[in-house]
């Protein structure tokens, strides 16, 4: 049984897993996103779309879009997301 099949049978455990991932992301992502958005890798004048596959609750995408207001974002994850 894979992880997602396991969680489909245990919704409360999936909820706790999603909340834990969100907490870890809240601690680690701000500095990573700031470094990425200020790097020479990102063309500040280009129209770009950021696609976050497996993005959970959208924390990283939200931070990226906050640092890069010219960008558009798409969040894609499993069907069940707990808030």
PDB file of N, CA and C in Angstrom:
ATOM      1  N   UNK A   1       0.855  -1.169   0.000  1.00  0.00           N
ATOM      2  CA  UNK A   1       0.000   0.000   0.000  1.00  0.00           C
ATOM      3  C   UNK A   1       0.903   1.235   0.000  1.00  0.00           C
ATOM      4  N   UNK A   2       0.629   2.162  -0.916  1.00  0.00           N
ATOM      5  CA  UNK A   2       1.434   3.383  -0.927  1.00  0.00           C
ATOM      6  C   UNK A   2       0.899   4.385   0.102  1.00  0.00           C
ATOM      7  N   UNK A   3       1.644   5.464   0.268  1.00  0.00           N
ATOM      8  CA  UNK A   3       1.308   6.455   1.291  1.00  0.00           C
ATOM      9  C   UNK A   3      -0.092   7.032   1.096  1.00  0.00           C
ATOM     10  N   UNK A   4      -0.450   7.363  -0.136  1.00  0.00           N
ATOM     11  CA  UNK A   4      -1.740   8.024  -0.373  1.00  0.00           C
ATOM     12  C   UNK A   4      -2.897   7.062  -0.195  1.00  0.00           C
ATOM     13  N   UNK A   5      -2.692   5.790  -0.512  1.00  0.00           N
ATOM     14  CA  UNK A   5      -3.738   4.799  -0.249  1.00  0.00           C
ATOM     15  C   UNK A   5      -3.926   4.627   1.265  1.00  0.00           C
ATOM     16  N   UNK A   6      -2.800   4.601   1.979  1.00  0.00           N
ATOM     17  CA  UNK A   6      -2.849   4.517   3.443  1.00  0.00           C
ATOM     18  C   UNK A   6      -3.657   5.680   4.023  1.00  0.00           C
ATOM     19  N   UNK A   7      -3.332   6.901   3.583  1.00  0.00           N
ATOM     20  CA  UNK A   7      -4.032   8.071   4.119  1.00  0.00           C
ATOM     21  C   UNK A   7      -5.495   8.131   3.672  1.00  0.00           C
ATOM     22  N   UNK A   8      -5.808   7.571   2.522  1.00  0.00           N
ATOM     23  CA  UNK A   8      -7.211   7.580   2.087  1.00  0.00           C
ATOM     24  C   UNK A   8      -8.075   6.752   3.035  1.00  0.00           C
ATOM     25  N   UNK A   9      -7.449   5.812   3.718  1.00  0.00           N
ATOM     26  CA  UNK A   9      -8.172   4.982   4.679  1.00  0.00           C
ATOM     27  C   UNK A   9      -8.114   5.547   6.100  1.00  0.00           C
ATOM     28  N   UNK A  10      -7.284   6.590   6.300  1.00  0.00           N
ATOM     29  CA  UNK A  10      -7.098   7.179   7.629  1.00  0.00           C
ATOM     30  C   UNK A  10      -7.094   8.712   7.505  1.00  0.00           C
ATOM     31  N   UNK A  11      -8.258   9.317   7.286  1.00  0.00           N
ATOM     32  CA  UNK A  11      -8.315  10.750   7.014  1.00  0.00           C
ATOM     33  C   UNK A  11      -7.750  11.632   8.128  1.00  0.00           C
ATOM     34  N   UNK A  12      -7.905  11.248   9.371  1.00  0.00           N
ATOM     35  CA  UNK A  12      -7.369  12.082  10.455  1.00  0.00           C
ATOM     36  C   UNK A  12      -5.834  12.069  10.438  1.00  0.00           C
ATOM     37  N   UNK A  13      -5.249  10.939  10.108  1.00  0.00           N
ATOM     38  CA  UNK A  13      -3.785  10.877  10.003  1.00  0.00           C
ATOM     39  C   UNK A  13      -3.298  11.704   8.820  1.00  0.00           C
ATOM     40  N   UNK A  14      -4.059  11.693   7.721  1.00  0.00           N
ATOM     41  CA  UNK A  14      -3.686  12.529   6.574  1.00  0.00           C
ATOM     42  C   UNK A  14      -3.755  14.004   6.961  1.00  0.00           C
ATOM     43  N   UNK A  15      -4.767  14.366   7.698  1.00  0.00           N
ATOM     44  CA  UNK A  15      -4.908  15.758   8.146  1.00  0.00           C
ATOM     45  C   UNK A  15      -3.699  16.170   8.978  1.00  0.00           C
ATOM     46  N   UNK A  16      -3.282  15.322   9.907  1.00  0.00           N
ATOM     47  CA  UNK A  16      -2.117  15.622  10.742  1.00  0.00           C
ATOM     48  C   UNK A  16      -0.844  15.722   9.893  1.00  0.00           C
ATOM     49  N   UNK A  17      -0.706  14.857   8.908  1.00  0.00           N
ATOM     50  CA  UNK A  17       0.435  14.887   8.000  1.00  0.00           C
ATOM     51  C   UNK A  17       0.478  16.206   7.225  1.00  0.00           C
ATOM     52  N   UNK A  18      -0.667  16.627   6.683  1.00  0.00           N
ATOM     53  CA  UNK A  18      -0.740  17.884   5.924  1.00  0.00           C
ATOM     54  C   UNK A  18      -0.399  19.077   6.815  1.00  0.00           C
ATOM     55  N   UNK A  19      -0.910  19.079   8.032  1.00  0.00           N
ATOM     56  CA  UNK A  19      -0.623  20.176   8.962  1.00  0.00           C
ATOM     57  C   UNK A  19       0.860  20.217   9.334  1.00  0.00           C
ATOM     58  N   UNK A  20       1.477  19.049   9.528  1.00  0.00           N
ATOM     59  CA  UNK A  20       2.902  18.988   9.842  1.00  0.00           C
ATOM     60  C   UNK A  20       3.724  19.529   8.677  1.00  0.00           C
ATOM     61  N   UNK A  21       3.380  19.136   7.449  1.00  0.00           N
ATOM     62  CA  UNK A  21       4.101  19.648   6.280  1.00  0.00           C
ATOM     63  C   UNK A  21       3.964  21.168   6.165  1.00  0.00           C
ATOM     64  N   UNK A  22       2.784  21.672   6.446  1.00  0.00           N
ATOM     65  CA  UNK A  22       2.564  23.128   6.390  1.00  0.00           C
ATOM     66  C   UNK A  22       3.430  23.844   7.426  1.00  0.00           C
ATOM     67  N   UNK A  23       3.539  23.289   8.627  1.00  0.00           N
ATOM     68  CA  UNK A  23       4.364  23.905   9.678  1.00  0.00           C
ATOM     69  C   UNK A  23       5.841  23.926   9.296  1.00  0.00           C
ATOM     70  N   UNK A  24       6.335  22.813   8.775  1.00  0.00           N
ATOM     71  CA  UNK A  24       7.733  22.750   8.338  1.00  0.00           C
ATOM     72  C   UNK A  24       7.970  23.763   7.215  1.00  0.00           C
ATOM     73  N   UNK A  25       7.041  23.828   6.288  1.00  0.00           N
ATOM     74  CA  UNK A  25       7.165  24.786   5.182  1.00  0.00           C
ATOM     75  C   UNK A  25       7.193  26.223   5.684  1.00  0.00           C
ATOM     76  N   UNK A  26       6.348  26.533   6.650  1.00  0.00           N
ATOM     77  CA  UNK A  26       6.312  27.892   7.197  1.00  0.00           C
ATOM     78  C   UNK A  26       7.649  28.298   7.804  1.00  0.00           C
ATOM     79  N   UNK A  27       8.382  27.335   8.337  1.00  0.00           N
ATOM     80  CA  UNK A  27       9.680  27.630   8.941  1.00  0.00           C
ATOM     81  C   UNK A  27      10.802  27.749   7.914  1.00  0.00           C
ATOM     82  N   UNK A  28      10.790  26.901   6.906  1.00  0.00           N
ATOM     83  CA  UNK A  28      11.922  26.804   5.994  1.00  0.00           C
ATOM     84  C   UNK A  28      11.795  27.614   4.709  1.00  0.00           C
ATOM     85  N   UNK A  29      10.603  27.746   4.200  1.00  0.00           N
ATOM     86  CA  UNK A  29      10.444  28.301   2.862  1.00  0.00           C
ATOM     87  C   UNK A  29      10.717  29.789   2.692  1.00  0.00           C
ATOM     88  N   UNK A  30      10.426  30.650   3.652  1.00  0.00           N
ATOM     89  CA  UNK A  30      10.640  32.074   3.387  1.00  0.00           C
ATOM     90  C   UNK A  30      12.055  32.415   2.910  1.00  0.00           C
ATOM     91  N   UNK A  31      13.075  31.862   3.535  1.00  0.00           N
ATOM     92  CA  UNK A  31      14.436  32.195   3.110  1.00  0.00           C
ATOM     93  C   UNK A  31      14.768  31.569   1.760  1.00  0.00           C
ATOM     94  N   UNK A  32      14.282  30.379   1.491  1.00  0.00           N
ATOM     95  CA  UNK A  32      14.523  29.735   0.200  1.00  0.00           C
ATOM     96  C   UNK A  32      13.861  30.533  -0.921  1.00  0.00           C
ATOM     97  N   UNK A  33      12.621  30.933  -0.709  1.00  0.00           N
ATOM     98  CA  UNK A  33      11.882  31.688  -1.719  1.00  0.00           C
ATOM     99  C   UNK A  33      12.546  33.034  -1.983  1.00  0.00           C
ATOM    100  N   UNK A  34      12.973  33.719  -0.947  1.00  0.00           N
ATOM    101  CA  UNK A  34      13.622  35.015  -1.123  1.00  0.00           C
ATOM    102  C   UNK A  34      14.893  34.871  -1.968  1.00  0.00           C
ATOM    103  N   UNK A  35      15.707  33.862  -1.665  1.00  0.00           N
ATOM    104  CA  UNK A  35      16.927  33.625  -2.438  1.00  0.00           C
ATOM    105  C   UNK A  35      16.595  33.334  -3.899  1.00  0.00           C
ATOM    106  N   UNK A  36      15.592  32.494  -4.137  1.00  0.00           N
ATOM    107  CA  UNK A  36      15.209  32.154  -5.506  1.00  0.00           C
ATOM    108  C   UNK A  36      14.708  33.379  -6.258  1.00  0.00           C
ATOM    109  N   UNK A  37      13.820  34.134  -5.641  1.00  0.00           N
ATOM    110  CA  UNK A  37      13.207  35.270  -6.335  1.00  0.00           C
ATOM    111  C   UNK A  37      14.212  36.381  -6.636  1.00  0.00           C
ATOM    112  N   UNK A  38      15.311  36.439  -5.886  1.00  0.00           N
ATOM    113  CA  UNK A  38      16.326  37.475  -6.106  1.00  0.00           C
ATOM    114  C   UNK A  38      17.492  36.973  -6.958  1.00  0.00           C
ATOM    115  N   UNK A  39      17.442  35.729  -7.395  1.00  0.00           N
ATOM    116  CA  UNK A  39      18.552  35.166  -8.154  1.00  0.00           C
ATOM    117  C   UNK A  39      18.527  35.656  -9.597  1.00  0.00           C
ATOM    118  N   UNK A  40      19.638  35.506 -10.271  1.00  0.00           N
ATOM    119  CA  UNK A  40      19.719  35.885 -11.679  1.00  0.00           C
ATOM    120  C   UNK A  40      18.972  34.885 -12.554  1.00  0.00           C
ATOM    121  N   UNK A  41      18.574  33.759 -11.978  1.00  0.00           N
ATOM    122  CA  UNK A  41      17.804  32.742 -12.695  1.00  0.00           C
ATOM    123  C   UNK A  41      16.431  33.267 -13.107  1.00  0.00           C
ATOM    124  N   UNK A  42      15.894  34.204 -12.334  1.00  0.00           N
ATOM    125  CA  UNK A  42      14.538  34.708 -12.567  1.00  0.00           C
ATOM    126  C   UNK A  42      14.597  36.020 -13.338  1.00  0.00           C
ATOM    127  N   UNK A  43      13.927  36.051 -14.496  1.00  0.00           N
ATOM    128  CA  UNK A  43      13.828  37.265 -15.291  1.00  0.00           C
ATOM    129  C   UNK A  43      12.688  38.108 -14.730  1.00  0.00           C
ATOM    130  N   UNK A  44      13.039  39.224 -14.100  1.00  0.00           N
ATOM    131  CA  UNK A  44      12.037  40.057 -13.418  1.00  0.00           C
ATOM    132  C   UNK A  44      11.043  40.705 -14.388  1.00  0.00           C
ATOM    133  N   UNK A  45      11.395  40.784 -15.677  1.00  0.00           N
ATOM    134  CA  UNK A  45      10.523  41.435 -16.649  1.00  0.00           C
ATOM    135  C   UNK A  45       9.660  40.460 -17.451  1.00  0.00           C
ATOM    136  N   UNK A  46       9.932  39.171 -17.309  1.00  0.00           N
ATOM    137  CA  UNK A  46       9.199  38.174 -18.097  1.00  0.00           C
ATOM    138  C   UNK A  46       7.848  37.862 -17.460  1.00  0.00           C
ATOM    139  N   UNK A  47       6.903  37.498 -18.291  1.00  0.00           N
ATOM    140  CA  UNK A  47       5.617  37.012 -17.805  1.00  0.00           C
ATOM    141  C   UNK A  47       5.778  35.510 -17.594  1.00  0.00           C
ATOM    142  N   UNK A  48       5.704  35.078 -16.339  1.00  0.00           N
ATOM    143  CA  UNK A  48       5.937  33.671 -16.048  1.00  0.00           C
ATOM    144  C   UNK A  48       4.772  33.081 -15.260  1.00  0.00           C
ATOM    145  N   UNK A  49       4.632  31.772 -15.391  1.00  0.00           N
ATOM    146  CA  UNK A  49       3.660  31.016 -14.614  1.00  0.00           C
ATOM    147  C   UNK A  49       4.420  29.965 -13.825  1.00  0.00           C
ATOM    148  N   UNK A  50       4.192  29.934 -12.531  1.00  0.00           N
ATOM    149  CA  UNK A  50       4.818  28.954 -11.653  1.00  0.00           C
ATOM    150  C   UNK A  50       3.788  27.866 -11.374  1.00  0.00           C
ATOM    151  N   UNK A  51       4.146  26.617 -11.655  1.00  0.00           N
ATOM    152  CA  UNK A  51       3.262  25.489 -11.407  1.00  0.00           C
ATOM    153  C   UNK A  51       3.845  24.691 -10.248  1.00  0.00           C
ATOM    154  N   UNK A  52       3.092  24.586  -9.178  1.00  0.00           N
ATOM    155  CA  UNK A  52       3.519  23.850  -7.984  1.00  0.00           C
ATOM    156  C   UNK A  52       2.757  22.529  -7.949  1.00  0.00           C
ATOM    157  N   UNK A  53       3.430  21.451  -8.371  1.00  0.00           N
ATOM    158  CA  UNK A  53       2.824  20.125  -8.390  1.00  0.00           C
ATOM    159  C   UNK A  53       3.140  19.443  -7.065  1.00  0.00           C
ATOM    160  N   UNK A  54       2.111  18.980  -6.394  1.00  0.00           N
ATOM    161  CA  UNK A  54       2.294  18.396  -5.064  1.00  0.00           C
ATOM    162  C   UNK A  54       2.490  19.476  -4.028  1.00  0.00           C
ATOM    163  N   UNK A  55       1.878  20.635  -4.258  1.00  0.00           N
ATOM    164  CA  UNK A  55       2.099  21.810  -3.431  1.00  0.00           C
ATOM    165  C   UNK A  55       1.321  21.876  -2.136  1.00  0.00           C
ATOM    166  N   UNK A  56       0.610  20.820  -1.782  1.00  0.00           N
ATOM    167  CA  UNK A  56      -0.091  20.791  -0.500  1.00  0.00           C
ATOM    168  C   UNK A  56      -1.069  21.935  -0.342  1.00  0.00           C
ATOM    169  N   UNK A  57      -0.849  22.730   0.681  1.00  0.00           N
ATOM    170  CA  UNK A  57      -1.745  23.851   0.983  1.00  0.00           C
ATOM    171  C   UNK A  57      -1.367  25.132   0.238  1.00  0.00           C
ATOM    172  N   UNK A  58      -0.296  25.082  -0.552  1.00  0.00           N
ATOM    173  CA  UNK A  58       0.074  26.230  -1.375  1.00  0.00           C
ATOM    174  C   UNK A  58       0.998  27.228  -0.712  1.00  0.00           C
ATOM    175  N   UNK A  59       1.642  26.850   0.376  1.00  0.00           N
ATOM    176  CA  UNK A  59       2.512  27.780   1.095  1.00  0.00           C
ATOM    177  C   UNK A  59       3.665  28.312   0.258  1.00  0.00           C
ATOM    178  N   UNK A  60       4.367  27.429  -0.440  1.00  0.00           N
ATOM    179  CA  UNK A  60       5.501  27.882  -1.236  1.00  0.00           C
ATOM    180  C   UNK A  60       5.034  28.743  -2.403  1.00  0.00           C
ATOM    181  N   UNK A  61       3.987  28.320  -3.075  1.00  0.00           N
ATOM    182  CA  UNK A  61       3.477  29.107  -4.200  1.00  0.00           C
ATOM    183  C   UNK A  61       3.038  30.485  -3.734  1.00  0.00           C
ATOM    184  N   UNK A  62       2.382  30.549  -2.609  1.00  0.00           N
ATOM    185  CA  UNK A  62       1.940  31.833  -2.066  1.00  0.00           C
ATOM    186  C   UNK A  62       3.127  32.755  -1.781  1.00  0.00           C
ATOM    187  N   UNK A  63       4.162  32.201  -1.176  1.00  0.00           N
ATOM    188  CA  UNK A  63       5.361  33.002  -0.895  1.00  0.00           C
ATOM    189  C   UNK A  63       6.038  33.468  -2.184  1.00  0.00           C
ATOM    190  N   UNK A  64       6.142  32.570  -3.159  1.00  0.00           N
ATOM    191  CA  UNK A  64       6.756  32.947  -4.441  1.00  0.00           C
ATOM    192  C   UNK A  64       5.985  34.070  -5.119  1.00  0.00           C
ATOM    193  N   UNK A  65       4.669  33.953  -5.138  1.00  0.00           N
ATOM    194  CA  UNK A  65       3.856  34.993  -5.778  1.00  0.00           C
ATOM    195  C   UNK A  65       3.928  36.309  -5.012  1.00  0.00           C
ATOM    196  N   UNK A  66       4.119  36.232  -3.709  1.00  0.00           N
ATOM    197  CA  UNK A  66       4.306  37.450  -2.924  1.00  0.00           C
ATOM    198  C   UNK A  66       5.611  38.159  -3.249  1.00  0.00           C
ATOM    199  N   UNK A  67       6.647  37.387  -3.547  1.00  0.00           N
ATOM    200  CA  UNK A  67       7.953  37.948  -3.900  1.00  0.00           C
ATOM    201  C   UNK A  67       8.037  38.334  -5.374  1.00  0.00           C
ATOM    202  N   UNK A  68       7.182  37.732  -6.189  1.00  0.00           N
ATOM    203  CA  UNK A  68       7.232  37.940  -7.637  1.00  0.00           C
ATOM    204  C   UNK A  68       5.838  38.311  -8.135  1.00  0.00           C
ATOM    205  N   UNK A  69       5.403  39.542  -7.882  1.00  0.00           N
ATOM    206  CA  UNK A  69       4.020  39.918  -8.197  1.00  0.00           C
ATOM    207  C   UNK A  69       3.667  39.870  -9.685  1.00  0.00           C
ATOM    208  N   UNK A  70       4.666  39.839 -10.552  1.00  0.00           N
ATOM    209  CA  UNK A  70       4.398  39.763 -11.990  1.00  0.00           C
ATOM    210  C   UNK A  70       4.054  38.335 -12.433  1.00  0.00           C
ATOM    211  N   UNK A  71       4.260  37.352 -11.565  1.00  0.00           N
ATOM    212  CA  UNK A  71       4.051  35.945 -11.915  1.00  0.00           C
ATOM    213  C   UNK A  71       2.618  35.503 -11.645  1.00  0.00           C
ATOM    214  N   UNK A  72       2.212  34.454 -12.343  1.00  0.00           N
ATOM    215  CA  UNK A  72       0.936  33.788 -12.105  1.00  0.00           C
ATOM    216  C   UNK A  72       1.257  32.418 -11.519  1.00  0.00           C
ATOM    217  N   UNK A  73       0.302  31.820 -10.801  1.00  0.00           N
ATOM    218  CA  UNK A  73       0.567  30.533 -10.185  1.00  0.00           C
ATOM    219  C   UNK A  73      -0.549  29.527 -10.364  1.00  0.00           C
ATOM    220  N   UNK A  74      -0.144  28.261 -10.423  1.00  0.00           N
ATOM    221  CA  UNK A  74      -1.080  27.143 -10.489  1.00  0.00           C
ATOM    222  C   UNK A  74      -0.664  26.152  -9.409  1.00  0.00           C
ATOM    223  N   UNK A  75      -1.613  25.766  -8.565  1.00  0.00           N
ATOM    224  CA  UNK A  75      -1.370  24.786  -7.503  1.00  0.00           C
ATOM    225  C   UNK A  75      -2.085  23.501  -7.856  1.00  0.00           C
ATOM    226  N   UNK A  76      -1.355  22.395  -7.803  1.00  0.00           N
ATOM    227  CA  UNK A  76      -1.946  21.092  -8.107  1.00  0.00           C
ATOM    228  C   UNK A  76      -1.521  20.101  -7.035  1.00  0.00           C
ATOM    229  N   UNK A  77      -2.503  19.435  -6.451  1.00  0.00           N
ATOM    230  CA  UNK A  77      -2.217  18.417  -5.450  1.00  0.00           C
ATOM    231  C   UNK A  77      -3.347  17.398  -5.434  1.00  0.00           C
ATOM    232  N   UNK A  78      -3.238  16.450  -4.525  1.00  0.00           N
ATOM    233  CA  UNK A  78      -4.284  15.440  -4.357  1.00  0.00           C
ATOM    234  C   UNK A  78      -5.621  16.133  -4.086  1.00  0.00           C
ATOM    235  N   UNK A  79      -6.701  15.425  -4.285  1.00  0.00           N
ATOM    236  CA  UNK A  79      -8.032  16.008  -4.134  1.00  0.00           C
ATOM    237  C   UNK A  79      -8.406  16.434  -2.737  1.00  0.00           C
ATOM    238  N   UNK A  80      -7.849  15.801  -1.712  1.00  0.00           N
ATOM    239  CA  UNK A  80      -8.245  16.089  -0.338  1.00  0.00           C
ATOM    240  C   UNK A  80      -7.190  16.968   0.324  1.00  0.00           C
ATOM    241  N   UNK A  81      -7.561  18.165   0.657  1.00  0.00           N
ATOM    242  CA  UNK A  81      -6.682  19.078   1.387  1.00  0.00           C
ATOM    243  C   UNK A  81      -7.457  19.559   2.607  1.00  0.00           C
ATOM    244  N   UNK A  82      -6.844  19.447   3.766  1.00  0.00           N
ATOM    245  CA  UNK A  82      -7.498  19.841   5.009  1.00  0.00           C
ATOM    246  C   UNK A  82      -6.970  21.191   5.448  1.00  0.00           C
ATOM    247  N   UNK A  83      -7.840  22.061   5.866  1.00  0.00           N
ATOM    248  CA  UNK A  83      -7.420  23.366   6.386  1.00  0.00           C
ATOM    249  C   UNK A  83      -7.601  23.401   7.874  1.00  0.00           C
TER     250      UNK A  83
END
